[in-house]
Amino acid sequence: MDINIITEFISNNGLPIFIVLCFLYILFYFWKFVTKLLKPELLEILEVLDKLDTNVRTVENDAEKLNQKVSIITVVKKDYASKTRTPGNTRSPGQVKH
């Protein structure tokens, strides 16, 4: 771009109009950069995050189910231990008499 064209434009239309046009060009360039380069990358990242969120929820549900099973097993074990002990019997149900 020739400098004479720029100076002629500024002298005919004024400096503020030239600055506004330069600013609009910068905004257009930025918009083009964001939509062409960043948007596909962001969509890919969002897709990965969605899959990760699904996996985390699955793991949380599995952990909760396992915790419930462990709680049930400990309660059943305590009930079994209390039912198998008699007042004169001090050994636990798993011990073998020698």
N, C-alpha and C. Protein backbone atom coordinates (compact mmCIF):
# COMPACT_ATOMS: atom_id res chain seq x y z
N MET A 1 0.85 -1.16 0.00
CA MET A 1 0.00 0.00 0.00
C MET A 1 0.90 1.24 0.00
N ASP A 2 0.60 2.13 -0.86
CA ASP A 2 1.41 3.33 -1.02
C ASP A 2 1.05 4.36 0.06
N ILE A 3 2.06 5.03 0.59
CA ILE A 3 1.85 6.02 1.65
C ILE A 3 1.05 7.23 1.14
N ASN A 4 1.16 7.52 -0.14
CA ASN A 4 0.41 8.65 -0.69
C ASN A 4 -1.09 8.41 -0.66
N ILE A 5 -1.49 7.16 -0.85
CA ILE A 5 -2.92 6.84 -0.78
C ILE A 5 -3.44 7.05 0.64
N ILE A 6 -2.64 6.66 1.62
CA ILE A 6 -3.05 6.82 3.02
C ILE A 6 -3.13 8.30 3.39
N THR A 7 -2.13 9.08 3.01
CA THR A 7 -2.16 10.52 3.34
C THR A 7 -3.29 11.23 2.62
N GLU A 8 -3.57 10.83 1.40
CA GLU A 8 -4.69 11.44 0.67
C GLU A 8 -6.02 11.11 1.32
N PHE A 9 -6.17 9.84 1.77
CA PHE A 9 -7.40 9.43 2.45
C PHE A 9 -7.58 10.21 3.75
N ILE A 10 -6.48 10.37 4.51
CA ILE A 10 -6.56 11.11 5.78
C ILE A 10 -6.90 12.57 5.52
N SER A 11 -6.32 13.17 4.52
CA SER A 11 -6.60 14.58 4.24
C SER A 11 -8.02 14.79 3.74
N ASN A 12 -8.56 13.83 3.00
CA ASN A 12 -9.94 13.96 2.49
C ASN A 12 -10.99 13.63 3.55
N ASN A 13 -10.74 12.59 4.38
CA ASN A 13 -11.77 12.11 5.29
C ASN A 13 -11.49 12.40 6.77
N GLY A 14 -10.27 12.65 7.12
CA GLY A 14 -9.94 12.94 8.50
C GLY A 14 -9.28 11.77 9.19
N LEU A 15 -8.47 12.09 10.19
CA LEU A 15 -7.73 11.08 10.94
C LEU A 15 -8.64 10.15 11.75
N PRO A 16 -9.69 10.66 12.43
CA PRO A 16 -10.54 9.75 13.22
C PRO A 16 -11.18 8.66 12.37
N ILE A 17 -11.59 8.99 11.16
CA ILE A 17 -12.20 7.99 10.28
C ILE A 17 -11.16 6.94 9.89
N PHE A 18 -9.95 7.36 9.62
CA PHE A 18 -8.88 6.44 9.27
C PHE A 18 -8.58 5.50 10.44
N ILE A 19 -8.55 6.05 11.65
CA ILE A 19 -8.28 5.23 12.85
C ILE A 19 -9.40 4.23 13.07
N VAL A 20 -10.66 4.65 12.87
CA VAL A 20 -11.79 3.74 13.02
C VAL A 20 -11.70 2.60 12.00
N LEU A 21 -11.35 2.90 10.78
CA LEU A 21 -11.21 1.86 9.76
C LEU A 21 -10.08 0.90 10.10
N CYS A 22 -8.97 1.41 10.61
CA CYS A 22 -7.87 0.54 11.04
C CYS A 22 -8.31 -0.36 12.19
N PHE A 23 -9.06 0.19 13.12
CA PHE A 23 -9.56 -0.59 14.24
C PHE A 23 -10.52 -1.69 13.77
N LEU A 24 -11.40 -1.34 12.82
CA LEU A 24 -12.32 -2.34 12.27
C LEU A 24 -11.57 -3.46 11.56
N TYR A 25 -10.49 -3.12 10.87
CA TYR A 25 -9.69 -4.15 10.20
C TYR A 25 -9.05 -5.08 11.24
N ILE A 26 -8.57 -4.51 12.32
CA ILE A 26 -7.97 -5.33 13.38
C ILE A 26 -9.02 -6.25 14.00
N LEU A 27 -10.22 -5.73 14.24
CA LEU A 27 -11.30 -6.56 14.78
C LEU A 27 -11.68 -7.69 13.82
N PHE A 28 -11.74 -7.36 12.52
CA PHE A 28 -12.06 -8.37 11.54
C PHE A 28 -10.99 -9.45 11.52
N TYR A 29 -9.73 -9.08 11.56
CA TYR A 29 -8.63 -10.04 11.56
C TYR A 29 -8.71 -10.93 12.81
N PHE A 30 -8.98 -10.34 13.95
CA PHE A 30 -9.11 -11.10 15.19
C PHE A 30 -10.28 -12.07 15.11
N TRP A 31 -11.44 -11.62 14.61
CA TRP A 31 -12.61 -12.47 14.46
C TRP A 31 -12.31 -13.65 13.54
N LYS A 32 -11.63 -13.39 12.44
CA LYS A 32 -11.27 -14.45 11.50
C LYS A 32 -10.33 -15.45 12.17
N PHE A 33 -9.38 -14.97 12.93
CA PHE A 33 -8.44 -15.83 13.65
C PHE A 33 -9.17 -16.74 14.64
N VAL A 34 -10.09 -16.15 15.39
CA VAL A 34 -10.81 -16.92 16.41
C VAL A 34 -11.71 -17.96 15.75
N THR A 35 -12.42 -17.60 14.71
CA THR A 35 -13.37 -18.53 14.12
C THR A 35 -12.68 -19.63 13.31
N LYS A 36 -11.57 -19.34 12.69
CA LYS A 36 -10.92 -20.35 11.84
C LYS A 36 -9.94 -21.22 12.60
N LEU A 37 -9.22 -20.67 13.55
CA LEU A 37 -8.18 -21.44 14.23
C LEU A 37 -8.58 -21.93 15.61
N LEU A 38 -9.18 -21.06 16.40
CA LEU A 38 -9.45 -21.42 17.79
C LEU A 38 -10.75 -22.19 17.98
N LYS A 39 -11.77 -21.88 17.21
CA LYS A 39 -13.06 -22.52 17.41
C LYS A 39 -12.99 -24.04 17.22
N PRO A 40 -12.35 -24.57 16.16
CA PRO A 40 -12.25 -26.03 16.05
C PRO A 40 -11.50 -26.67 17.23
N GLU A 41 -10.45 -26.01 17.69
CA GLU A 41 -9.70 -26.53 18.83
C GLU A 41 -10.55 -26.52 20.10
N LEU A 42 -11.29 -25.46 20.30
CA LEU A 42 -12.15 -25.37 21.48
C LEU A 42 -13.25 -26.42 21.44
N LEU A 43 -13.82 -26.66 20.26
CA LEU A 43 -14.84 -27.69 20.15
C LEU A 43 -14.28 -29.07 20.45
N GLU A 44 -13.07 -29.32 20.01
CA GLU A 44 -12.42 -30.61 20.31
C GLU A 44 -12.16 -30.74 21.81
N ILE A 45 -11.71 -29.68 22.44
CA ILE A 45 -11.46 -29.70 23.88
C ILE A 45 -12.76 -29.92 24.65
N LEU A 46 -13.84 -29.28 24.21
CA LEU A 46 -15.13 -29.46 24.87
C LEU A 46 -15.62 -30.90 24.73
N GLU A 47 -15.37 -31.51 23.60
CA GLU A 47 -15.76 -32.91 23.39
C GLU A 47 -14.99 -33.83 24.35
N VAL A 48 -13.69 -33.58 24.50
CA VAL A 48 -12.88 -34.38 25.42
C VAL A 48 -13.34 -34.17 26.86
N LEU A 49 -13.65 -32.92 27.22
CA LEU A 49 -14.14 -32.65 28.58
C LEU A 49 -15.47 -33.33 28.85
N ASP A 50 -16.33 -33.39 27.85
CA ASP A 50 -17.61 -34.07 28.02
C ASP A 50 -17.40 -35.56 28.26
N LYS A 51 -16.50 -36.18 27.50
CA LYS A 51 -16.19 -37.60 27.72
C LYS A 51 -15.58 -37.82 29.11
N LEU A 52 -14.70 -36.91 29.52
CA LEU A 52 -14.08 -37.01 30.83
C LEU A 52 -15.12 -36.89 31.94
N ASP A 53 -16.05 -35.97 31.78
CA ASP A 53 -17.12 -35.79 32.75
C ASP A 53 -17.96 -37.05 32.87
N THR A 54 -18.26 -37.67 31.75
CA THR A 54 -19.03 -38.91 31.76
C THR A 54 -18.27 -40.01 32.49
N ASN A 55 -16.97 -40.11 32.23
CA ASN A 55 -16.16 -41.13 32.89
C ASN A 55 -16.06 -40.88 34.40
N VAL A 56 -15.94 -39.64 34.80
CA VAL A 56 -15.85 -39.31 36.23
C VAL A 56 -17.15 -39.66 36.92
N ARG A 57 -18.27 -39.36 36.29
CA ARG A 57 -19.56 -39.72 36.90
C ARG A 57 -19.69 -41.23 37.04
N THR A 58 -19.24 -41.97 36.04
CA THR A 58 -19.29 -43.43 36.11
C THR A 58 -18.44 -43.93 37.27
N VAL A 59 -17.23 -43.40 37.41
CA VAL A 59 -16.35 -43.82 38.50
C VAL A 59 -16.95 -43.45 39.85
N GLU A 60 -17.56 -42.28 39.96
CA GLU A 60 -18.19 -41.89 41.22
C GLU A 60 -19.34 -42.84 41.57
N ASN A 61 -20.14 -43.21 40.57
CA ASN A 61 -21.24 -44.15 40.83
C ASN A 61 -20.70 -45.51 41.24
N ASP A 62 -19.65 -45.97 40.59
CA ASP A 62 -19.05 -47.26 40.95
C ASP A 62 -18.48 -47.21 42.36
N ALA A 63 -17.82 -46.11 42.71
CA ALA A 63 -17.26 -45.98 44.06
C ALA A 63 -18.37 -45.97 45.11
N GLU A 64 -19.47 -45.31 44.81
CA GLU A 64 -20.59 -45.27 45.75
C GLU A 64 -21.18 -46.67 45.94
N LYS A 65 -21.32 -47.41 44.85
CA LYS A 65 -21.85 -48.77 44.94
C LYS A 65 -20.91 -49.67 45.74
N LEU A 66 -19.61 -49.55 45.50
CA LEU A 66 -18.65 -50.34 46.26
C LEU A 66 -18.68 -49.99 47.74
N ASN A 67 -18.82 -48.71 48.05
CA ASN A 67 -18.90 -48.28 49.44
C ASN A 67 -20.14 -48.87 50.12
N GLN A 68 -21.25 -48.90 49.40
CA GLN A 68 -22.46 -49.50 49.96
C GLN A 68 -22.26 -50.99 50.22
N LYS A 69 -21.60 -51.68 49.27
CA LYS A 69 -21.36 -53.11 49.44
C LYS A 69 -20.44 -53.38 50.63
N VAL A 70 -19.41 -52.57 50.79
CA VAL A 70 -18.50 -52.73 51.92
C VAL A 70 -19.23 -52.49 53.23
N SER A 71 -20.09 -51.50 53.27
CA SER A 71 -20.87 -51.22 54.49
C SER A 71 -21.77 -52.40 54.82
N ILE A 72 -22.42 -52.96 53.82
CA ILE A 72 -23.30 -54.11 54.05
C ILE A 72 -22.49 -55.29 54.56
N ILE A 73 -21.33 -55.54 53.96
CA ILE A 73 -20.50 -56.67 54.37
C ILE A 73 -20.02 -56.50 55.81
N THR A 74 -19.62 -55.29 56.19
CA THR A 74 -19.16 -55.08 57.57
C THR A 74 -20.30 -55.27 58.57
N VAL A 75 -21.51 -54.84 58.22
CA VAL A 75 -22.65 -55.02 59.12
C VAL A 75 -22.98 -56.50 59.25
N VAL A 76 -22.98 -57.21 58.13
CA VAL A 76 -23.28 -58.64 58.18
C VAL A 76 -22.21 -59.39 58.96
N LYS A 77 -20.96 -59.01 58.78
CA LYS A 77 -19.86 -59.65 59.51
C LYS A 77 -20.00 -59.43 61.02
N LYS A 78 -20.34 -58.19 61.42
CA LYS A 78 -20.53 -57.91 62.85
C LYS A 78 -21.71 -58.70 63.41
N ASP A 79 -22.80 -58.78 62.65
CA ASP A 79 -23.97 -59.56 63.11
C ASP A 79 -23.61 -61.03 63.26
N TYR A 80 -22.88 -61.55 62.28
CA TYR A 80 -22.48 -62.96 62.33
C TYR A 80 -21.55 -63.23 63.51
N ALA A 81 -20.63 -62.31 63.75
CA ALA A 81 -19.70 -62.48 64.86
C ALA A 81 -20.42 -62.41 66.19
N SER A 82 -21.41 -61.55 66.31
CA SER A 82 -22.14 -61.44 67.59
C SER A 82 -23.05 -62.64 67.81
N LYS A 83 -23.56 -63.25 66.75
CA LYS A 83 -24.44 -64.41 66.89
C LYS A 83 -23.67 -65.68 67.18
N THR A 84 -22.44 -65.79 66.69
CA THR A 84 -21.68 -67.02 66.89
C THR A 84 -20.94 -67.06 68.21
N ARG A 85 -20.77 -65.95 68.88
CA ARG A 85 -20.07 -65.93 70.18
C ARG A 85 -21.06 -66.28 71.28
N THR A 86 -20.61 -67.09 72.16
CA THR A 86 -21.38 -67.41 73.36
C THR A 86 -20.62 -66.86 74.55
N PRO A 87 -21.24 -66.72 75.70
CA PRO A 87 -20.55 -66.13 76.84
C PRO A 87 -19.28 -66.88 77.25
N GLY A 88 -19.22 -68.19 77.13
CA GLY A 88 -18.03 -68.94 77.51
C GLY A 88 -17.02 -69.08 76.39
N ASN A 89 -17.40 -68.74 75.18
CA ASN A 89 -16.53 -68.90 74.01
C ASN A 89 -15.85 -67.57 73.71
N THR A 90 -14.55 -67.48 73.90
CA THR A 90 -13.84 -66.22 73.68
C THR A 90 -13.14 -66.15 72.34
N ARG A 91 -13.08 -67.28 71.65
CA ARG A 91 -12.40 -67.25 70.35
C ARG A 91 -13.37 -66.75 69.28
N SER A 92 -12.82 -66.16 68.25
CA SER A 92 -13.65 -65.64 67.14
C SER A 92 -14.04 -66.81 66.25
N PRO A 93 -15.06 -66.65 65.40
CA PRO A 93 -15.55 -67.76 64.58
C PRO A 93 -14.50 -68.30 63.62
N GLY A 94 -13.52 -67.54 63.23
CA GLY A 94 -12.53 -68.01 62.27
C GLY A 94 -11.39 -68.79 62.91
N GLN A 95 -11.28 -68.80 64.24
CA GLN A 95 -10.17 -69.49 64.90
C GLN A 95 -10.44 -70.99 65.00
N VAL A 96 -9.36 -71.75 64.87
CA VAL A 96 -9.46 -73.20 64.95
C VAL A 96 -9.01 -73.66 66.33
N LYS A 97 -9.70 -74.61 66.90
CA LYS A 97 -9.37 -75.14 68.22
C LYS A 97 -8.25 -76.16 68.07
N HIS A 98 -7.15 -76.02 68.84
CA HIS A 98 -6.02 -76.95 68.75
C HIS A 98 -6.06 -77.95 69.85
